[in-house]
């Protein structure tokens, strides 16, 4: 379950969030959520949720056709 939070931002900060959202193609909400997580949970690494889901050789340099002579 998630909770909805309404906040008021100063105009300059709101414009920065809007511009970044436009530039990255992400929603303003996801940008704000990520910034809050980085600030409040600095040791957390969100990309780690992807760990272990990829398959393939552990070292791509060993794949045929990708090694250097």
PDB file of N, CA and C in Angstrom:
ATOM      1  N   UNK A   1       0.842  -1.161   0.000  1.00  0.00           N
ATOM      2  CA  UNK A   1       0.000   0.000   0.000  1.00  0.00           C
ATOM      3  C   UNK A   1       0.895   1.234   0.000  1.00  0.00           C
ATOM      4  N   UNK A   2       0.450   2.291  -0.626  1.00  0.00           N
ATOM      5  CA  UNK A   2       1.219   3.528  -0.646  1.00  0.00           C
ATOM      6  C   UNK A   2       0.389   4.658  -0.069  1.00  0.00           C
ATOM      7  N   UNK A   3       1.064   5.706   0.305  1.00  0.00           N
ATOM      8  CA  UNK A   3       0.426   6.876   0.890  1.00  0.00           C
ATOM      9  C   UNK A   3       0.638   8.060  -0.034  1.00  0.00           C
ATOM     10  N   UNK A   4      -0.392   8.853  -0.219  1.00  0.00           N
ATOM     11  CA  UNK A   4      -0.284  10.064  -1.018  1.00  0.00           C
ATOM     12  C   UNK A   4       0.131  11.207  -0.114  1.00  0.00           C
ATOM     13  N   UNK A   5       1.111  11.979  -0.592  1.00  0.00           N
ATOM     14  CA  UNK A   5       1.622  13.106   0.162  1.00  0.00           C
ATOM     15  C   UNK A   5       1.564  14.340  -0.732  1.00  0.00           C
ATOM     16  N   UNK A   6       0.989  15.406  -0.233  1.00  0.00           N
ATOM     17  CA  UNK A   6       0.930  16.649  -0.986  1.00  0.00           C
ATOM     18  C   UNK A   6       1.906  17.628  -0.361  1.00  0.00           C
ATOM     19  N   UNK A   7       2.767  18.213  -1.193  1.00  0.00           N
ATOM     20  CA  UNK A   7       3.737  19.181  -0.685  1.00  0.00           C
ATOM     21  C   UNK A   7       3.671  20.450  -1.527  1.00  0.00           C
ATOM     22  N   UNK A   8       4.110  21.537  -0.944  1.00  0.00           N
ATOM     23  CA  UNK A   8       4.216  22.804  -1.667  1.00  0.00           C
ATOM     24  C   UNK A   8       5.692  23.107  -1.864  1.00  0.00           C
ATOM     25  N   UNK A   9       6.057  23.417  -3.096  1.00  0.00           N
ATOM     26  CA  UNK A   9       7.440  23.720  -3.429  1.00  0.00           C
ATOM     27  C   UNK A   9       7.566  25.176  -3.834  1.00  0.00           C
ATOM     28  N   UNK A  10       8.683  25.803  -3.517  1.00  0.00           N
ATOM     29  CA  UNK A  10       8.923  27.153  -4.034  1.00  0.00           C
ATOM     30  C   UNK A  10       8.961  27.089  -5.567  1.00  0.00           C
ATOM     31  N   UNK A  11       8.610  28.174  -6.209  1.00  0.00           N
ATOM     32  CA  UNK A  11       8.518  28.194  -7.671  1.00  0.00           C
ATOM     33  C   UNK A  11       9.795  27.718  -8.358  1.00  0.00           C
ATOM     34  N   UNK A  12      10.960  28.165  -7.875  1.00  0.00           N
ATOM     35  CA  UNK A  12      12.203  27.782  -8.533  1.00  0.00           C
ATOM     36  C   UNK A  12      12.467  26.281  -8.428  1.00  0.00           C
ATOM     37  N   UNK A  13      12.155  25.683  -7.291  1.00  0.00           N
ATOM     38  CA  UNK A  13      12.344  24.246  -7.115  1.00  0.00           C
ATOM     39  C   UNK A  13      11.338  23.466  -7.971  1.00  0.00           C
ATOM     40  N   UNK A  14      10.117  23.930  -8.011  1.00  0.00           N
ATOM     41  CA  UNK A  14       9.086  23.278  -8.827  1.00  0.00           C
ATOM     42  C   UNK A  14       9.469  23.320 -10.309  1.00  0.00           C
ATOM     43  N   UNK A  15      10.034  24.444 -10.756  1.00  0.00           N
ATOM     44  CA  UNK A  15      10.463  24.563 -12.152  1.00  0.00           C
ATOM     45  C   UNK A  15      11.626  23.627 -12.447  1.00  0.00           C
ATOM     46  N   UNK A  16      12.521  23.472 -11.486  1.00  0.00           N
ATOM     47  CA  UNK A  16      13.652  22.551 -11.662  1.00  0.00           C
ATOM     48  C   UNK A  16      13.173  21.111 -11.773  1.00  0.00           C
ATOM     49  N   UNK A  17      12.235  20.734 -10.921  1.00  0.00           N
ATOM     50  CA  UNK A  17      11.693  19.372 -10.961  1.00  0.00           C
ATOM     51  C   UNK A  17      10.974  19.149 -12.295  1.00  0.00           C
ATOM     52  N   UNK A  18      10.198  20.106 -12.717  1.00  0.00           N
ATOM     53  CA  UNK A  18       9.467  19.986 -13.979  1.00  0.00           C
ATOM     54  C   UNK A  18      10.425  19.864 -15.164  1.00  0.00           C
ATOM     55  N   UNK A  19      11.473  20.673 -15.171  1.00  0.00           N
ATOM     56  CA  UNK A  19      12.447  20.631 -16.266  1.00  0.00           C
ATOM     57  C   UNK A  19      13.181  19.289 -16.295  1.00  0.00           C
ATOM     58  N   UNK A  20      13.561  18.791 -15.132  1.00  0.00           N
ATOM     59  CA  UNK A  20      14.259  17.500 -15.061  1.00  0.00           C
ATOM     60  C   UNK A  20      13.344  16.366 -15.519  1.00  0.00           C
ATOM     61  N   UNK A  21      12.077  16.444 -15.151  1.00  0.00           N
ATOM     62  CA  UNK A  21      11.109  15.429 -15.572  1.00  0.00           C
ATOM     63  C   UNK A  21      10.975  15.427 -17.094  1.00  0.00           C
ATOM     64  N   UNK A  22      10.898  16.597 -17.673  1.00  0.00           N
ATOM     65  CA  UNK A  22      10.791  16.720 -19.121  1.00  0.00           C
ATOM     66  C   UNK A  22      12.046  16.177 -19.803  1.00  0.00           C
ATOM     67  N   UNK A  23      13.200  16.527 -19.249  1.00  0.00           N
ATOM     68  CA  UNK A  23      14.480  16.131 -19.821  1.00  0.00           C
ATOM     69  C   UNK A  23      14.680  14.619 -19.778  1.00  0.00           C
ATOM     70  N   UNK A  24      14.288  13.988 -18.695  1.00  0.00           N
ATOM     71  CA  UNK A  24      14.517  12.554 -18.510  1.00  0.00           C
ATOM     72  C   UNK A  24      13.344  11.687 -18.942  1.00  0.00           C
ATOM     73  N   UNK A  25      12.184  12.289 -19.172  1.00  0.00           N
ATOM     74  CA  UNK A  25      11.004  11.519 -19.549  1.00  0.00           C
ATOM     75  C   UNK A  25      10.380  10.780 -18.382  1.00  0.00           C
ATOM     76  N   UNK A  26      10.699  11.198 -17.179  1.00  0.00           N
ATOM     77  CA  UNK A  26      10.139  10.577 -15.976  1.00  0.00           C
ATOM     78  C   UNK A  26       9.082  11.501 -15.394  1.00  0.00           C
ATOM     79  N   UNK A  27       8.290  10.951 -14.484  1.00  0.00           N
ATOM     80  CA  UNK A  27       7.278  11.783 -13.832  1.00  0.00           C
ATOM     81  C   UNK A  27       7.924  12.612 -12.735  1.00  0.00           C
ATOM     82  N   UNK A  28       7.303  13.731 -12.424  1.00  0.00           N
ATOM     83  CA  UNK A  28       7.795  14.573 -11.341  1.00  0.00           C
ATOM     84  C   UNK A  28       7.759  13.808 -10.026  1.00  0.00           C
ATOM     85  N   UNK A  29       6.715  13.028  -9.826  1.00  0.00           N
ATOM     86  CA  UNK A  29       6.573  12.254  -8.602  1.00  0.00           C
ATOM     87  C   UNK A  29       7.710  11.262  -8.402  1.00  0.00           C
ATOM     88  N   UNK A  30       8.122  10.589  -9.492  1.00  0.00           N
ATOM     89  CA  UNK A  30       9.202   9.613  -9.357  1.00  0.00           C
ATOM     90  C   UNK A  30      10.531  10.299  -9.038  1.00  0.00           C
ATOM     91  N   UNK A  31      10.742  11.490  -9.600  1.00  0.00           N
ATOM     92  CA  UNK A  31      11.963  12.241  -9.298  1.00  0.00           C
ATOM     93  C   UNK A  31      12.003  12.679  -7.841  1.00  0.00           C
ATOM     94  N   UNK A  32      10.881  13.186  -7.346  1.00  0.00           N
ATOM     95  CA  UNK A  32      10.817  13.630  -5.957  1.00  0.00           C
ATOM     96  C   UNK A  32      10.980  12.441  -5.016  1.00  0.00           C
ATOM     97  N   UNK A  33      10.333  11.331  -5.345  1.00  0.00           N
ATOM     98  CA  UNK A  33      10.448  10.127  -4.513  1.00  0.00           C
ATOM     99  C   UNK A  33      11.897   9.659  -4.445  1.00  0.00           C
ATOM    100  N   UNK A  34      12.583   9.631  -5.584  1.00  0.00           N
ATOM    101  CA  UNK A  34      13.976   9.208  -5.606  1.00  0.00           C
ATOM    102  C   UNK A  34      14.857  10.145  -4.786  1.00  0.00           C
ATOM    103  N   UNK A  35      14.619  11.448  -4.880  1.00  0.00           N
ATOM    104  CA  UNK A  35      15.408  12.412  -4.111  1.00  0.00           C
ATOM    105  C   UNK A  35      15.199  12.222  -2.613  1.00  0.00           C
ATOM    106  N   UNK A  36      13.975  11.974  -2.208  1.00  0.00           N
ATOM    107  CA  UNK A  36      13.681  11.740  -0.789  1.00  0.00           C
ATOM    108  C   UNK A  36      14.359  10.457  -0.317  1.00  0.00           C
ATOM    109  N   UNK A  37      14.285   9.405  -1.123  1.00  0.00           N
ATOM    110  CA  UNK A  37      14.929   8.143  -0.755  1.00  0.00           C
ATOM    111  C   UNK A  37      16.431   8.310  -0.621  1.00  0.00           C
ATOM    112  N   UNK A  38      17.060   9.035  -1.557  1.00  0.00           N
ATOM    113  CA  UNK A  38      18.505   9.253  -1.483  1.00  0.00           C
ATOM    114  C   UNK A  38      18.886  10.028  -0.230  1.00  0.00           C
ATOM    115  N   UNK A  39      18.042  10.963   0.168  1.00  0.00           N
ATOM    116  CA  UNK A  39      18.328  11.787   1.343  1.00  0.00           C
ATOM    117  C   UNK A  39      18.094  11.015   2.640  1.00  0.00           C
ATOM    118  N   UNK A  40      16.995  10.309   2.721  1.00  0.00           N
ATOM    119  CA  UNK A  40      16.634   9.629   3.965  1.00  0.00           C
ATOM    120  C   UNK A  40      17.253   8.244   4.104  1.00  0.00           C
ATOM    121  N   UNK A  41      17.554   7.604   2.983  1.00  0.00           N
ATOM    122  CA  UNK A  41      18.125   6.253   3.004  1.00  0.00           C
ATOM    123  C   UNK A  41      19.411   6.237   2.174  1.00  0.00           C
ATOM    124  N   UNK A  42      20.443   6.968   2.610  1.00  0.00           N
ATOM    125  CA  UNK A  42      21.638   7.133   1.766  1.00  0.00           C
ATOM    126  C   UNK A  42      22.389   5.844   1.456  1.00  0.00           C
ATOM    127  N   UNK A  43      22.302   4.831   2.314  1.00  0.00           N
ATOM    128  CA  UNK A  43      23.014   3.588   2.069  1.00  0.00           C
ATOM    129  C   UNK A  43      22.277   2.645   1.145  1.00  0.00           C
ATOM    130  N   UNK A  44      21.024   2.929   0.878  1.00  0.00           N
ATOM    131  CA  UNK A  44      20.200   2.048   0.039  1.00  0.00           C
ATOM    132  C   UNK A  44      20.607   2.200  -1.422  1.00  0.00           C
ATOM    133  N   UNK A  45      20.668   1.102  -2.123  1.00  0.00           N
ATOM    134  CA  UNK A  45      21.043   1.119  -3.532  1.00  0.00           C
ATOM    135  C   UNK A  45      19.885   0.557  -4.341  1.00  0.00           C
ATOM    136  N   UNK A  46      19.007   1.421  -4.875  1.00  0.00           N
ATOM    137  CA  UNK A  46      17.810   0.954  -5.580  1.00  0.00           C
ATOM    138  C   UNK A  46      18.108   0.027  -6.749  1.00  0.00           C
ATOM    139  N   UNK A  47      19.259   0.199  -7.396  1.00  0.00           N
ATOM    140  CA  UNK A  47      19.578  -0.655  -8.540  1.00  0.00           C
ATOM    141  C   UNK A  47      19.799  -2.106  -8.129  1.00  0.00           C
ATOM    142  N   UNK A  48      20.041  -2.345  -6.832  1.00  0.00           N
ATOM    143  CA  UNK A  48      20.290  -3.704  -6.371  1.00  0.00           C
ATOM    144  C   UNK A  48      19.060  -4.600  -6.516  1.00  0.00           C
ATOM    145  N   UNK A  49      17.885  -4.015  -6.710  1.00  0.00           N
ATOM    146  CA  UNK A  49      16.702  -4.841  -6.915  1.00  0.00           C
ATOM    147  C   UNK A  49      16.826  -5.644  -8.203  1.00  0.00           C
ATOM    148  N   UNK A  50      17.757  -5.241  -9.077  1.00  0.00           N
ATOM    149  CA  UNK A  50      17.982  -5.937 -10.339  1.00  0.00           C
ATOM    150  C   UNK A  50      19.031  -7.037 -10.214  1.00  0.00           C
ATOM    151  N   UNK A  51      19.735  -7.086  -9.096  1.00  0.00           N
ATOM    152  CA  UNK A  51      20.813  -8.062  -8.918  1.00  0.00           C
ATOM    153  C   UNK A  51      20.278  -9.490  -9.011  1.00  0.00           C
ATOM    154  N   UNK A  52      20.967 -10.289  -9.788  1.00  0.00           N
ATOM    155  CA  UNK A  52      20.628 -11.698  -9.887  1.00  0.00           C
ATOM    156  C   UNK A  52      19.546 -12.049 -10.889  1.00  0.00           C
ATOM    157  N   UNK A  53      19.006 -11.068 -11.602  1.00  0.00           N
ATOM    158  CA  UNK A  53      17.930 -11.410 -12.540  1.00  0.00           C
ATOM    159  C   UNK A  53      18.429 -11.579 -13.966  1.00  0.00           C
ATOM    160  N   UNK A  54      19.685 -11.238 -14.210  1.00  0.00           N
ATOM    161  CA  UNK A  54      20.245 -11.378 -15.549  1.00  0.00           C
ATOM    162  C   UNK A  54      20.942 -12.716 -15.686  1.00  0.00           C
ATOM    163  N   UNK A  55      20.886 -13.271 -16.885  1.00  0.00           N
ATOM    164  CA  UNK A  55      21.546 -14.532 -17.149  1.00  0.00           C
ATOM    165  C   UNK A  55      22.641 -14.310 -18.175  1.00  0.00           C
ATOM    166  N   UNK A  56      23.639 -15.153 -18.119  1.00  0.00           N
ATOM    167  CA  UNK A  56      24.725 -15.063 -19.079  1.00  0.00           C
ATOM    168  C   UNK A  56      26.048 -15.315 -18.406  1.00  0.00           C
ATOM    169  N   UNK A  57      27.122 -15.255 -19.190  1.00  0.00           N
ATOM    170  CA  UNK A  57      28.438 -15.506 -18.615  1.00  0.00           C
ATOM    171  C   UNK A  57      28.789 -14.416 -17.611  1.00  0.00           C
ATOM    172  N   UNK A  58      29.475 -14.785 -16.525  1.00  0.00           N
ATOM    173  CA  UNK A  58      29.822 -13.790 -15.517  1.00  0.00           C
ATOM    174  C   UNK A  58      30.805 -12.744 -16.033  1.00  0.00           C
ATOM    175  N   UNK A  59      31.572 -13.094 -17.069  1.00  0.00           N
ATOM    176  CA  UNK A  59      32.564 -12.181 -17.618  1.00  0.00           C
ATOM    177  C   UNK A  59      32.343 -12.104 -19.122  1.00  0.00           C
ATOM    178  N   UNK A  60      31.767 -11.019 -19.600  1.00  0.00           N
ATOM    179  CA  UNK A  60      31.418 -10.910 -21.018  1.00  0.00           C
ATOM    180  C   UNK A  60      32.643 -10.920 -21.927  1.00  0.00           C
ATOM    181  N   UNK A  61      33.820 -10.638 -21.386  1.00  0.00           N
ATOM    182  CA  UNK A  61      35.015 -10.650 -22.225  1.00  0.00           C
ATOM    183  C   UNK A  61      35.367 -12.067 -22.675  1.00  0.00           C
ATOM    184  N   UNK A  62      34.758 -13.068 -22.068  1.00  0.00           N
ATOM    185  CA  UNK A  62      35.014 -14.455 -22.445  1.00  0.00           C
ATOM    186  C   UNK A  62      34.088 -14.942 -23.561  1.00  0.00           C
ATOM    187  N   UNK A  63      33.140 -14.104 -23.937  1.00  0.00           N
ATOM    188  CA  UNK A  63      32.243 -14.510 -25.016  1.00  0.00           C
ATOM    189  C   UNK A  63      32.989 -14.556 -26.334  1.00  0.00           C
ATOM    190  N   UNK A  64      32.696 -15.558 -27.141  1.00  0.00           N
ATOM    191  CA  UNK A  64      33.353 -15.720 -28.435  1.00  0.00           C
ATOM    192  C   UNK A  64      33.114 -14.483 -29.293  1.00  0.00           C
ATOM    193  N   UNK A  65      34.151 -13.981 -29.900  1.00  0.00           N
ATOM    194  CA  UNK A  65      34.041 -12.835 -30.787  1.00  0.00           C
ATOM    195  C   UNK A  65      34.250 -11.500 -30.069  1.00  0.00           C
ATOM    196  N   UNK A  66      34.377 -11.528 -28.748  1.00  0.00           N
ATOM    197  CA  UNK A  66      34.577 -10.288 -28.010  1.00  0.00           C
ATOM    198  C   UNK A  66      35.947 -10.209 -27.348  1.00  0.00           C
ATOM    199  N   UNK A  67      36.762 -11.236 -27.531  1.00  0.00           N
ATOM    200  CA  UNK A  67      38.073 -11.225 -26.907  1.00  0.00           C
ATOM    201  C   UNK A  67      39.077 -10.486 -27.804  1.00  0.00           C
ATOM    202  N   UNK A  68      40.077  -9.923 -27.200  1.00  0.00           N
ATOM    203  CA  UNK A  68      41.121  -9.236 -27.971  1.00  0.00           C
ATOM    204  C   UNK A  68      42.210 -10.225 -28.330  1.00  0.00           C
ATOM    205  N   UNK A  69      42.800 -10.062 -29.503  1.00  0.00           N
ATOM    206  CA  UNK A  69      43.867 -10.996 -29.936  1.00  0.00           C
ATOM    207  C   UNK A  69      45.128 -10.828 -29.109  1.00  0.00           C
TER     208      UNK A  69
END
